Amino acid sequence: MTRILANKLSSTLKRQVDFTASNPNDINQTIVLIIDRREDAITPLLNQWEYQAMVHQLIGIKNNRVNLNQVPDITKELEEVVMNAEYDEFYANNLYSNFGGIATNIKGLMGHFQEKHKSQSKIESIEDMK
């Protein structure tokens, strides 16, 4: 989409150079930066997103199901996950929580898990959580 926009803008500027510039070479000195923001890693950090909205935007939810079959080394039973507040307590409790609230709740759950299983090892990465 950005390439099409850039090409149309360029052709429009070249056609209208007679009307806008006294020197035809001035068109080469004009710089317009067009950025495709559809796959932008920074934009999610600028928005207050809720858990459900983040999952839907970043992974995709269709009929309360999240398809994870593109994730490398995923087990067969986790290729498709049902996201339903009736059956998933974490999802129900965090459905409308923002990113900071979810991070705090995950940390609490991991602390509870360590206490329950009397694990003394520190969990510092996603691999440790798995």
C-alpha atoms as a PDB file:
ATOM      1  CA  MET A   1       0.000   0.000   0.000  1.00  0.00           C
ATOM      2  CA  THR A   2       2.805   2.406   0.807  1.00  0.00           C
ATOM      3  CA  ARG A   3       4.562   1.639  -2.468  1.00  0.00           C
ATOM      4  CA  ILE A   4       1.363   2.428  -4.413  1.00  0.00           C
ATOM      5  CA  LEU A   5       0.932   5.663  -2.472  1.00  0.00           C
ATOM      6  CA  ALA A   6       4.570   6.629  -3.064  1.00  0.00           C
ATOM      7  CA  ASN A   7       4.314   5.940  -6.809  1.00  0.00           C
ATOM      8  CA  LYS A   8       1.102   7.960  -7.138  1.00  0.00           C
ATOM      9  CA  LEU A   9       2.546  10.830  -5.127  1.00  0.00           C
ATOM     10  CA  SER A  10       5.713  10.823  -7.226  1.00  0.00           C
ATOM     11  CA  SER A  11       3.818  10.840 -10.509  1.00  0.00           C
ATOM     12  CA  THR A  12       1.534  13.612  -9.256  1.00  0.00           C
ATOM     13  CA  LEU A  13       4.510  15.732  -8.202  1.00  0.00           C
ATOM     14  CA  LYS A  14       6.219  15.159 -11.562  1.00  0.00           C
ATOM     15  CA  ARG A  15       3.048  16.131 -13.461  1.00  0.00           C
ATOM     16  CA  GLN A  16       2.551  19.260 -11.402  1.00  0.00           C
ATOM     17  CA  VAL A  17       6.197  20.391 -11.349  1.00  0.00           C
ATOM     18  CA  ASP A  18       5.321  23.108 -13.886  1.00  0.00           C
ATOM     19  CA  PHE A  19       2.871  24.655 -11.425  1.00  0.00           C
ATOM     20  CA  THR A  20       4.771  24.263  -8.163  1.00  0.00           C
ATOM     21  CA  ALA A  21       8.445  24.858  -8.872  1.00  0.00           C
ATOM     22  CA  SER A  22      10.266  27.540 -10.764  1.00  0.00           C
ATOM     23  CA  ASN A  23      13.118  25.100 -11.447  1.00  0.00           C
ATOM     24  CA  PRO A  24      12.160  21.573 -12.706  1.00  0.00           C
ATOM     25  CA  ASN A  25      15.099  20.047 -10.799  1.00  0.00           C
ATOM     26  CA  ASP A  26      13.556  21.131  -7.462  1.00  0.00           C
ATOM     27  CA  ILE A  27      11.384  17.994  -7.544  1.00  0.00           C
ATOM     28  CA  ASN A  28      14.495  15.851  -6.914  1.00  0.00           C
ATOM     29  CA  GLN A  29      15.253  17.769  -3.723  1.00  0.00           C
ATOM     30  CA  THR A  30      11.886  16.945  -2.170  1.00  0.00           C
ATOM     31  CA  ILE A  31      11.867  14.048   0.299  1.00  0.00           C
ATOM     32  CA  VAL A  32       8.648  12.497   1.556  1.00  0.00           C
ATOM     33  CA  LEU A  33       8.950   9.621   4.019  1.00  0.00           C
ATOM     34  CA  ILE A  34       6.044   7.153   3.922  1.00  0.00           C
ATOM     35  CA  ILE A  35       6.017   4.487   6.616  1.00  0.00           C
ATOM     36  CA  ASP A  36       3.881   1.342   6.654  1.00  0.00           C
ATOM     37  CA  ARG A  37       2.692   1.104  10.264  1.00  0.00           C
ATOM     38  CA  ARG A  38       0.691  -2.135   9.963  1.00  0.00           C
ATOM     39  CA  GLU A  39       3.531  -4.226  11.406  1.00  0.00           C
ATOM     40  CA  ASP A  40       5.018  -1.726  13.823  1.00  0.00           C
ATOM     41  CA  ALA A  41       6.562  -2.984  17.057  1.00  0.00           C
ATOM     42  CA  ILE A  42       6.444   0.422  18.778  1.00  0.00           C
ATOM     43  CA  THR A  43       2.763   1.262  18.300  1.00  0.00           C
ATOM     44  CA  PRO A  44       1.469  -1.373  20.762  1.00  0.00           C
ATOM     45  CA  LEU A  45       3.622   0.243  23.440  1.00  0.00           C
ATOM     46  CA  LEU A  46       1.889   3.570  22.846  1.00  0.00           C
ATOM     47  CA  ASN A  47      -1.625   2.193  23.371  1.00  0.00           C
ATOM     48  CA  GLN A  48      -3.360   1.090  26.544  1.00  0.00           C
ATOM     49  CA  TRP A  49      -4.513  -2.303  25.353  1.00  0.00           C
ATOM     50  CA  GLU A  50      -6.547  -4.791  27.252  1.00  0.00           C
ATOM     51  CA  TYR A  51      -5.637  -8.480  27.324  1.00  0.00           C
ATOM     52  CA  GLN A  52      -8.349  -9.586  24.917  1.00  0.00           C
ATOM     53  CA  ALA A  53      -7.530  -6.773  22.459  1.00  0.00           C
ATOM     54  CA  MET A  54      -3.807  -7.591  22.567  1.00  0.00           C
ATOM     55  CA  VAL A  55      -4.394 -11.282  21.853  1.00  0.00           C
ATOM     56  CA  HIS A  56      -6.786 -10.431  19.042  1.00  0.00           C
ATOM     57  CA  GLN A  57      -4.468  -7.842  17.461  1.00  0.00           C
ATOM     58  CA  LEU A  58      -1.177  -9.710  17.810  1.00  0.00           C
ATOM     59  CA  ILE A  59      -2.254 -13.330  17.337  1.00  0.00           C
ATOM     60  CA  GLY A  60      -5.897 -13.321  16.276  1.00  0.00           C
ATOM     61  CA  ILE A  61      -9.077 -14.688  17.835  1.00  0.00           C
ATOM     62  CA  LYS A  62     -11.706 -16.390  15.673  1.00  0.00           C
ATOM     63  CA  ASN A  63     -14.768 -17.903  17.338  1.00  0.00           C
ATOM     64  CA  ASN A  64     -13.046 -17.719  20.758  1.00  0.00           C
ATOM     65  CA  ARG A  65     -10.134 -19.768  19.376  1.00  0.00           C
ATOM     66  CA  VAL A  66      -6.500 -18.767  19.006  1.00  0.00           C
ATOM     67  CA  ASN A  67      -4.540 -20.609  16.331  1.00  0.00           C
ATOM     68  CA  LEU A  68      -0.917 -21.135  17.436  1.00  0.00           C
ATOM     69  CA  ASN A  69       0.153 -23.716  14.857  1.00  0.00           C
ATOM     70  CA  GLN A  70       2.752 -21.278  13.403  1.00  0.00           C
ATOM     71  CA  VAL A  71       4.659 -21.209  16.722  1.00  0.00           C
ATOM     72  CA  PRO A  72       7.870 -23.254  16.490  1.00  0.00           C
ATOM     73  CA  ASP A  73       8.098 -26.378  18.685  1.00  0.00           C
ATOM     74  CA  ILE A  74       4.485 -26.118  19.892  1.00  0.00           C
ATOM     75  CA  THR A  75       2.844 -29.259  21.219  1.00  0.00           C
ATOM     76  CA  LYS A  76      -0.119 -30.714  19.338  1.00  0.00           C
ATOM     77  CA  GLU A  77      -2.642 -29.895  22.116  1.00  0.00           C
ATOM     78  CA  LEU A  78      -1.624 -26.208  22.153  1.00  0.00           C
ATOM     79  CA  GLU A  79      -1.910 -25.600  18.402  1.00  0.00           C
ATOM     80  CA  GLU A  80      -5.423 -24.249  18.943  1.00  0.00           C
ATOM     81  CA  VAL A  81      -6.403 -22.709  22.271  1.00  0.00           C
ATOM     82  CA  VAL A  82      -9.956 -21.851  23.316  1.00  0.00           C
ATOM     83  CA  MET A  83     -10.184 -18.399  24.923  1.00  0.00           C
ATOM     84  CA  ASN A  84     -13.427 -18.543  26.870  1.00  0.00           C
ATOM     85  CA  ALA A  85     -14.074 -16.698  30.133  1.00  0.00           C
ATOM     86  CA  GLU A  86     -16.399 -19.480  31.330  1.00  0.00           C
ATOM     87  CA  TYR A  87     -13.640 -22.098  31.327  1.00  0.00           C
ATOM     88  CA  ASP A  88     -10.422 -20.097  31.696  1.00  0.00           C
ATOM     89  CA  GLU A  89     -10.109 -18.354  35.069  1.00  0.00           C
ATOM     90  CA  PHE A  90      -7.034 -16.331  34.068  1.00  0.00           C
ATOM     91  CA  TYR A  91      -8.743 -15.124  30.909  1.00  0.00           C
ATOM     92  CA  ALA A  92     -11.913 -14.211  32.821  1.00  0.00           C
ATOM     93  CA  ASN A  93      -9.987 -12.275  35.480  1.00  0.00           C
ATOM     94  CA  ASN A  94      -7.778 -10.433  32.992  1.00  0.00           C
ATOM     95  CA  LEU A  95     -10.076  -9.988  30.010  1.00  0.00           C
ATOM     96  CA  TYR A  96     -10.129  -6.190  30.387  1.00  0.00           C
ATOM     97  CA  SER A  97      -6.804  -5.719  32.220  1.00  0.00           C
ATOM     98  CA  ASN A  98      -4.100  -3.564  30.702  1.00  0.00           C
ATOM     99  CA  PHE A  99      -0.591  -4.842  29.970  1.00  0.00           C
ATOM    100  CA  GLY A 100       0.862  -3.774  33.340  1.00  0.00           C
ATOM    101  CA  GLY A 101      -1.942  -5.461  35.270  1.00  0.00           C
ATOM    102  CA  ILE A 102      -1.486  -8.680  33.335  1.00  0.00           C
ATOM    103  CA  ALA A 103       2.268  -8.690  33.995  1.00  0.00           C
ATOM    104  CA  THR A 104       1.611  -8.307  37.734  1.00  0.00           C
ATOM    105  CA  ASN A 105      -0.994 -11.090  37.692  1.00  0.00           C
ATOM    106  CA  ILE A 106       1.342 -13.440  35.782  1.00  0.00           C
ATOM    107  CA  LYS A 107       4.107 -12.761  38.292  1.00  0.00           C
ATOM    108  CA  GLY A 108       1.668 -13.585  41.113  1.00  0.00           C
ATOM    109  CA  LEU A 109       0.591 -16.805  39.403  1.00  0.00           C
ATOM    110  CA  MET A 110       4.194 -17.880  38.887  1.00  0.00           C
ATOM    111  CA  GLY A 111       4.965 -17.138  42.557  1.00  0.00           C
ATOM    112  CA  HIS A 112       1.940 -19.205  43.601  1.00  0.00           C
ATOM    113  CA  PHE A 113       3.041 -22.026  41.274  1.00  0.00           C
ATOM    114  CA  GLN A 114       6.541 -22.028  42.792  1.00  0.00           C
ATOM    115  CA  GLU A 115       5.109 -22.148  46.326  1.00  0.00           C
ATOM    116  CA  LYS A 116       2.718 -24.943  45.423  1.00  0.00           C
ATOM    117  CA  HIS A 117       5.460 -27.041  43.881  1.00  0.00           C
ATOM    118  CA  LYS A 118       8.089 -25.920  46.393  1.00  0.00           C
ATOM    119  CA  SER A 119      10.394 -24.876  43.602  1.00  0.00           C
ATOM    120  CA  GLN A 120      13.343 -22.800  44.691  1.00  0.00           C
ATOM    121  CA  SER A 121      14.683 -22.158  41.198  1.00  0.00           C
ATOM    122  CA  LYS A 122      14.229 -18.660  39.853  1.00  0.00           C
ATOM    123  CA  ILE A 123      12.014 -18.182  36.842  1.00  0.00           C
ATOM    124  CA  GLU A 124      13.601 -15.456  34.758  1.00  0.00           C
ATOM    125  CA  SER A 125      12.582 -16.215  31.177  1.00  0.00           C
ATOM    126  CA  ILE A 126       9.768 -17.645  29.071  1.00  0.00           C
ATOM    127  CA  GLU A 127      11.724 -20.880  28.746  1.00  0.00           C
ATOM    128  CA  ASP A 128      11.850 -21.142  32.561  1.00  0.00           C
ATOM    129  CA  MET A 129       8.065 -20.685  32.679  1.00  0.00           C
ATOM    130  CA  LYS A 130       7.541 -23.472  30.136  1.00  0.00           C
END
